[in-house]
C-alpha cells in the first residue's frame, strides 16, 4: 500500500518539512485555549537535544505504515500515543523522528522509574532555596526582599510540554510500565484537561506574566500561575508490555504495537543506518540474527546494528576476530550467557 500524502502530516521518510502548519483544527472536545504569551515554534533542529546521535537516529528511522497511520491519527485527535513493543524496536526513536521531521525542536524526555511522580513532571519548587535567598536579603547582603516564588520554580517535562504555544512540542514518556501503580490514574486529568495550576504562584494574585525556567533550560512566560495548552503536545508513551494499564488511562490514548521488523524492513534499517556496503558484507551476521530471533532468542535490532558495525568498521584487520566479536554481541543476553 502506498503512502497517502493527502492526509498524512507525519511521513517517517527521513525528510523535514512544514506540514504541521497544515494540521486541521482539533475536534471540539479537544480544543484548548491557553493564552500564547510567546508566539513562535520551538527552534528548528536538535540544537538542544542532549542524546548523542539523536538527529541521525531520527533521520534514518523508518516506521511501517500502521505506525505512521496511528501517529497521524494521534496528531489529528490531539491524543497521546501509547506505543508498546519489545526493547530495541524503535519506540523511543519514534518520538525523535516526529520532532525532527516536523521541525518541532528537541524532544522533552520524562524517563519513568518506580519513584516517578506526576508533581515532578509538572514543576519543581525550591522552597529551601527561596528561604535561603530571603534570609540573605533580609540581612541586607543582596538587594530587596524576595516577593515572588517564580525564580524558584522550574517546569518539568510535562509542564513544559503543556505551555501554550502555536505549535506543539514532542514529549516522550519513556518505559511507562516501570511506573508506580497509581501514576497512570494520576495522569488522567492532566491528559484530558491539558492544564494545571502552580499554587505557589496562584496565591500571589499577580496579573502580569512571570518568567519560569523550562525543563530544557529556556524560559517561558506564565500568567496567574495557570498553564494551559493551546497546541496540545505530541505525547509518545512507551511500554515494553510488562504490565497492563487501567482501562480509563488507555481510553485517553491511541494505541499501537511495534512488532519486530521482518527481513525486508530489517535490511532497510541496516542500510539506512550503516550503508549498502555494510549490509552486503554482513550477510552471515544478518542470517544468524534472523535465525536466532525466529527460534525465540531475546535479540534486538540494536544488537544487530552493533554487531554489523563492529564487523564492518575496520577496527581490526583480523576478520576472524571481528566475526567472533560480532557473533558474541548477537549472543549476549540469551539464556545461559554469562
Protein backbone atom coordinates (compact mmCIF):
# COMPACT_ATOMS: atom_id res chain seq x y z
CA UNK A 1 0.00 0.00 0.00
CA UNK A 2 1.39 3.38 -0.94
CA UNK A 3 1.56 6.44 1.27
CA UNK A 4 -1.37 8.81 1.23
CA UNK A 5 0.02 12.37 1.30
CA UNK A 6 -3.44 13.92 1.14
CA UNK A 7 -3.98 13.47 4.89
CA UNK A 8 -0.67 12.47 6.43
CA UNK A 9 1.18 15.14 8.38
CA UNK A 10 4.00 12.82 9.53
CA UNK A 11 5.56 10.60 6.84
CA UNK A 12 8.52 8.90 8.54
CA UNK A 13 10.52 9.14 5.32
CA UNK A 14 13.63 10.95 6.56
CA UNK A 15 12.86 14.42 5.17
CA UNK A 16 12.00 17.57 7.10
CA UNK A 17 9.01 19.71 6.12
CA UNK A 18 6.45 22.16 7.47
CA UNK A 19 3.27 20.12 7.10
CA UNK A 20 2.50 20.63 10.80
CA UNK A 21 1.21 24.05 9.73
CA UNK A 22 -1.42 22.20 7.65
CA UNK A 23 -2.79 20.25 10.62
CA UNK A 24 -6.55 20.94 10.68
CA UNK A 25 -8.36 22.15 13.81
CA UNK A 26 -8.95 19.56 16.54
CA UNK A 27 -12.33 18.00 17.30
CA UNK A 28 -14.49 20.26 19.51
CA UNK A 29 -13.82 18.18 22.62
CA UNK A 30 -10.02 18.54 22.23
CA UNK A 31 -9.79 22.29 21.70
CA UNK A 32 -7.57 24.20 24.12
CA UNK A 33 -7.45 27.95 24.55
CA UNK A 34 -4.31 28.67 26.54
CA UNK A 35 -3.01 32.21 26.11
CA UNK A 36 0.07 32.17 23.86
CA UNK A 37 2.39 34.67 25.54
CA UNK A 38 5.43 33.78 23.42
CA UNK A 39 4.36 33.16 19.81
CA UNK A 40 6.58 31.07 17.60
CA UNK A 41 7.56 27.44 17.23
CA UNK A 42 10.38 25.72 19.06
CA UNK A 43 13.76 26.18 17.37
CA UNK A 44 14.35 24.06 14.29
CA UNK A 45 16.69 21.13 14.56
CA UNK A 46 18.06 19.34 17.59
CA UNK A 47 20.40 22.05 18.85
CA UNK A 48 19.31 21.41 22.44
CA UNK A 49 18.90 17.63 22.09
CA UNK A 50 21.16 16.05 24.74
CA UNK A 51 21.12 12.48 23.42
CA UNK A 52 24.13 11.66 21.22
CA UNK A 53 23.27 10.77 17.64
CA UNK A 54 19.65 11.84 18.07
CA UNK A 55 19.39 13.66 14.76
CA UNK A 56 20.89 10.78 12.78
CA UNK A 57 18.62 8.28 14.51
CA UNK A 58 15.61 10.47 13.75
CA UNK A 59 16.55 10.98 10.11
CA UNK A 60 17.17 7.27 9.47
CA UNK A 61 14.12 5.92 11.31
CA UNK A 62 11.65 4.09 9.05
CA UNK A 63 8.34 3.14 10.72
CA UNK A 64 5.88 0.89 8.96
CA UNK A 65 2.54 2.02 7.54
CA UNK A 66 0.50 1.06 10.60
CA UNK A 67 2.72 3.17 12.88
CA UNK A 68 2.60 6.17 10.54
CA UNK A 69 -1.19 5.95 10.31
CA UNK A 70 -1.55 5.86 14.10
CA UNK A 71 0.87 8.75 14.64
CA UNK A 72 -1.19 10.86 12.25
CA UNK A 73 -4.43 9.83 13.93
CA UNK A 74 -2.95 10.98 17.27
CA UNK A 75 -1.95 14.29 15.67
CA UNK A 76 -5.44 14.87 14.28
CA UNK A 77 -7.23 13.87 17.50
CA UNK A 78 -4.73 15.56 19.88
CA UNK A 79 -4.39 12.37 21.88
CA UNK A 80 -1.33 10.71 23.46
CA UNK A 81 0.02 7.66 21.62
CA UNK A 82 0.75 4.58 23.75
CA UNK A 83 3.45 2.60 21.92
CA UNK A 84 4.13 -0.98 23.03
CA UNK A 85 6.88 -3.26 21.82
CA UNK A 86 9.98 -5.18 22.78
CA UNK A 87 13.16 -3.28 23.69
CA UNK A 88 15.07 -2.20 20.59
CA UNK A 89 12.08 -1.94 18.25
CA UNK A 90 12.35 1.85 17.95
CA UNK A 91 9.64 3.08 20.32
CA UNK A 92 11.69 5.96 21.72
CA UNK A 93 13.20 6.79 18.34
CA UNK A 94 9.68 7.35 17.01
CA UNK A 95 9.42 10.47 19.21
CA UNK A 96 12.76 11.74 17.88
CA UNK A 97 11.62 11.11 14.31
CA UNK A 98 8.38 13.07 14.75
CA UNK A 99 10.11 16.07 16.36
CA UNK A 100 12.87 16.16 13.74
CA UNK A 101 10.66 15.69 10.68
CA UNK A 102 8.08 18.28 11.76
CA UNK A 103 10.76 20.74 12.97
CA UNK A 104 9.40 20.96 16.49
CA UNK A 105 12.70 21.25 18.33
CA UNK A 106 14.27 18.80 20.75
CA UNK A 107 12.19 16.12 22.45
CA UNK A 108 11.12 16.70 26.04
CA UNK A 109 12.00 13.50 27.88
CA UNK A 110 10.38 12.06 31.01
CA UNK A 111 12.11 8.73 31.81
CA UNK A 112 9.92 6.71 34.14
CA UNK A 113 11.12 4.89 37.24
CA UNK A 114 9.22 3.30 40.11
CA UNK A 115 9.64 6.60 42.01
CA UNK A 116 8.32 8.87 39.23
CA UNK A 117 5.55 11.23 40.35
CA UNK A 118 3.18 13.47 38.42
CA UNK A 119 4.13 16.52 40.50
CA UNK A 120 7.80 16.26 39.49
CA UNK A 121 6.86 16.11 35.82
CA UNK A 122 4.80 19.31 36.11
CA UNK A 123 7.11 21.57 38.13
CA UNK A 124 9.59 21.69 40.99
CA UNK A 125 9.57 24.37 43.70
CA UNK A 126 12.82 25.07 45.56
CA UNK A 127 11.36 26.18 48.90
CA UNK A 128 14.71 25.82 50.67
CA UNK A 129 16.43 27.99 48.08
CA UNK A 130 13.77 30.66 48.44
CA UNK A 131 14.14 30.67 52.22
CA UNK A 132 17.91 30.98 51.99
CA UNK A 133 17.61 33.83 49.49
CA UNK A 134 15.09 35.63 51.70
CA UNK A 135 17.37 35.29 54.74
CA UNK A 136 20.32 36.74 52.84
CA UNK A 137 18.33 39.69 51.58
CA UNK A 138 16.82 40.33 55.00
CA UNK A 139 20.36 40.67 56.31
CA UNK A 140 20.95 43.34 53.67
CA UNK A 141 23.54 41.33 51.73
CA UNK A 142 21.89 41.10 48.35
CA UNK A 143 19.18 43.58 47.39
CA UNK A 144 15.48 43.98 48.27
CA UNK A 145 13.31 41.20 49.76
CA UNK A 146 12.17 38.33 47.54
CA UNK A 147 8.50 38.86 46.67
CA UNK A 148 7.70 36.08 44.14
CA UNK A 149 8.18 32.33 44.04
CA UNK A 150 8.76 32.41 40.26
CA UNK A 151 12.60 32.41 40.36
CA UNK A 152 12.47 29.20 42.41
CA UNK A 153 10.13 27.24 40.13
CA UNK A 154 11.34 25.03 37.28
CA UNK A 155 8.86 23.39 34.95
CA UNK A 156 9.20 19.65 34.45
CA UNK A 157 8.96 17.86 31.08
CA UNK A 158 5.15 17.55 31.11
CA UNK A 159 4.73 21.07 32.46
CA UNK A 160 6.96 22.42 29.70
CA UNK A 161 5.05 20.46 27.06
CA UNK A 162 1.74 21.95 28.21
CA UNK A 163 2.86 25.59 27.86
CA UNK A 164 0.61 27.47 25.45
CA UNK A 165 2.27 27.57 22.03
CA UNK A 166 1.08 27.95 18.48
CA UNK A 167 2.94 24.73 17.61
CA UNK A 168 3.17 21.62 19.80
CA UNK A 169 6.26 20.22 21.49
CA UNK A 170 7.01 16.50 21.47
CA UNK A 171 7.07 14.76 24.86
CA UNK A 172 8.48 11.24 25.32
CA UNK A 173 7.20 9.44 28.44
CA UNK A 174 9.59 6.52 28.35
CA UNK A 175 9.08 3.00 29.75
CA UNK A 176 5.79 3.82 31.43
CA UNK A 177 5.34 0.23 32.63
CA UNK A 178 8.06 0.90 35.25
CA UNK A 179 5.81 3.44 36.98
CA UNK A 180 4.14 3.17 40.35
CA UNK A 181 0.69 1.62 40.08
CA UNK A 182 -1.03 4.97 40.77
CA UNK A 183 0.75 7.11 38.16
CA UNK A 184 -1.48 6.21 35.16
CA UNK A 185 -4.57 7.29 37.11
CA UNK A 186 -2.81 10.42 38.38
CA UNK A 187 -2.14 11.44 34.77
CA UNK A 188 -5.74 11.12 33.60
CA UNK A 189 -6.98 14.60 34.46
CA UNK A 190 -3.91 16.39 33.08
CA UNK A 191 -4.08 14.48 29.79
CA UNK A 192 -7.79 15.21 29.48
CA UNK A 193 -7.78 18.86 30.54
CA UNK A 194 -4.38 19.89 29.16
CA UNK A 195 -3.76 22.22 32.08
CA UNK A 196 -2.58 22.53 35.67
CA UNK A 197 -2.05 25.22 38.30
CA UNK A 198 1.02 26.19 40.31
CA UNK A 199 -0.36 27.07 43.79
CA UNK A 200 2.80 28.92 44.81
CA UNK A 201 2.03 31.41 42.02
CA UNK A 202 -1.78 31.48 42.11
CA UNK A 203 -1.63 32.62 45.74
CA UNK A 204 0.37 35.69 44.72
CA UNK A 205 -2.50 37.13 42.65
CA UNK A 206 -0.16 38.87 40.22
CA UNK A 207 -1.74 39.95 36.92
CA UNK A 208 1.48 40.41 34.97
CA UNK A 209 3.15 37.31 33.46
CA UNK A 210 6.18 35.93 35.29
CA UNK A 211 9.11 34.11 33.74
CA UNK A 212 9.78 30.46 34.62
CA UNK A 213 12.66 28.18 33.70
CA UNK A 214 11.57 25.28 31.48
CA UNK A 215 12.73 21.68 31.54
CA UNK A 216 15.07 22.26 28.61
CA UNK A 217 16.71 25.32 30.15
CA UNK A 218 14.79 28.01 28.26
CA UNK A 219 12.34 30.48 29.81
CA UNK A 220 8.59 30.88 29.45
CA UNK A 221 6.01 33.47 30.50
CA UNK A 222 3.11 32.31 32.68
CA UNK A 223 0.16 34.41 33.85
CA UNK A 224 -1.68 33.86 37.13
CA UNK A 225 0.08 30.58 37.92
CA UNK A 226 -2.03 28.67 35.38
CA UNK A 227 -0.57 26.66 32.50
CA UNK A 228 -2.99 25.57 29.78
CA UNK A 229 -2.15 24.15 26.39
CA UNK A 230 -3.04 25.82 23.13
CA UNK A 231 -1.50 23.39 20.66
CA UNK A 232 -1.78 20.10 22.57
CA UNK A 233 1.64 18.41 22.80
CA UNK A 234 2.53 15.32 20.79
CA UNK A 235 2.90 12.77 23.59
CA UNK A 236 4.56 9.40 22.93
CA UNK A 237 4.23 6.98 25.86
CA UNK A 238 6.34 3.84 25.51
CA UNK A 239 5.83 0.48 27.19
CA UNK A 240 7.69 -2.81 26.97
CA UNK A 241 4.41 -4.65 27.57
CA UNK A 242 5.39 -5.80 31.04
CA UNK A 243 2.16 -4.69 32.74
CA UNK A 244 -1.43 -3.76 31.98
CA UNK A 245 -2.72 -0.21 32.38
CA UNK A 246 -6.15 0.86 33.69
CA UNK A 247 -8.88 0.99 31.06
CA UNK A 248 -9.59 4.64 31.87
CA UNK A 249 -5.98 5.52 31.05
CA UNK A 250 -5.97 3.53 27.81
CA UNK A 251 -9.17 5.27 26.68
CA UNK A 252 -7.29 8.59 26.82
CA UNK A 253 -4.67 7.27 24.41
CA UNK A 254 -4.40 5.81 20.95
CA UNK A 255 -2.51 2.52 20.99
CA UNK A 256 -0.08 0.81 18.63
CA UNK A 257 2.28 -2.15 18.99
CA UNK A 258 5.59 -2.05 17.12
CA UNK A 259 6.45 -5.60 16.10
CA UNK A 260 9.88 -6.95 15.31
CA UNK A 261 10.75 -5.90 11.75
CA UNK A 262 10.55 -8.54 9.03
CA UNK A 263 13.64 -9.32 6.93
CA UNK A 264 12.92 -6.65 4.34
CA UNK A 265 12.48 -3.92 6.94
CA UNK A 266 15.47 -5.20 8.88
CA UNK A 267 17.59 -4.90 5.75
CA UNK A 268 16.33 -1.36 5.22
CA UNK A 269 17.17 -0.44 8.82
CA UNK A 270 20.75 -1.72 8.47
CA UNK A 271 21.10 0.01 5.08
CA UNK A 272 19.76 3.35 6.32
CA UNK A 273 21.96 3.33 9.42
CA UNK A 274 25.21 1.83 8.09
CA UNK A 275 25.01 1.85 4.28
CA UNK A 276 24.72 -0.68 1.44
CA UNK A 277 28.29 -1.94 1.78
CA UNK A 278 27.86 -2.82 5.45
CA UNK A 279 24.70 -4.76 4.64
CA UNK A 280 26.40 -6.67 1.82
CA UNK A 281 29.40 -7.53 4.00
CA UNK A 282 27.33 -8.82 6.90
CA UNK A 283 25.14 -11.46 5.26
CA UNK A 284 26.26 -14.17 7.68
CA UNK A 285 25.57 -12.00 10.71
CA UNK A 286 22.21 -10.97 9.31
CA UNK A 287 21.13 -14.59 8.74
CA UNK A 288 22.37 -15.62 12.18
CA UNK A 289 20.38 -12.81 13.80
CA UNK A 290 17.18 -13.70 11.95
CA UNK A 291 17.61 -17.38 12.79
CA UNK A 292 18.16 -16.70 16.48
CA UNK A 293 15.18 -14.36 16.62
CA UNK A 294 12.91 -16.84 14.83
CA UNK A 295 13.93 -19.53 17.33
CA UNK A 296 12.74 -17.28 20.16
CA UNK A 297 16.05 -15.81 21.31
CA UNK A 298 15.80 -12.45 23.05
CA UNK A 299 17.75 -10.42 20.49
CA UNK A 300 17.06 -6.85 19.42
CA UNK A 301 17.64 -4.74 16.33
CA UNK A 302 20.15 -2.68 18.32
CA UNK A 303 22.27 -5.78 18.84
CA UNK A 304 22.30 -6.46 15.11
CA UNK A 305 23.33 -2.89 14.31
CA UNK A 306 26.13 -3.03 16.88
CA UNK A 307 27.36 -6.37 15.53
CA UNK A 308 27.30 -5.22 11.90
CA UNK A 309 29.13 -2.01 12.77
CA UNK A 310 31.83 -3.90 14.65
CA UNK A 311 32.20 -6.45 11.87
CA UNK A 312 32.45 -3.92 9.04
CA UNK A 313 34.07 -0.84 10.57
CA UNK A 314 37.69 -1.88 10.06
CA UNK A 315 38.58 -1.51 13.75
CA UNK A 316 40.85 -4.54 13.37
CA UNK A 317 42.39 -6.19 10.33
CA UNK A 318 41.73 -9.65 11.75
CA UNK A 319 38.48 -10.68 10.06
CA UNK A 320 38.05 -13.73 12.30
CA UNK A 321 38.34 -11.56 15.43
CA UNK A 322 35.74 -9.13 14.05
CA UNK A 323 33.41 -12.00 13.23
CA UNK A 324 33.78 -13.65 16.66
CA UNK A 325 33.17 -10.36 18.48
CA UNK A 326 30.13 -9.61 16.36
CA UNK A 327 28.67 -13.07 16.93
CA UNK A 328 29.28 -12.67 20.67
CA UNK A 329 27.24 -9.46 20.57
CA UNK A 330 24.34 -11.34 19.00
CA UNK A 331 24.51 -13.98 21.71
CA UNK A 332 24.69 -11.53 24.61
CA UNK A 333 21.57 -11.54 26.73
CA UNK A 334 20.44 -15.01 25.67
CA UNK A 335 19.64 -17.62 28.29
CA UNK A 336 22.76 -19.27 29.63
CA UNK A 337 25.02 -16.35 28.69
CA UNK A 338 27.41 -15.06 31.33
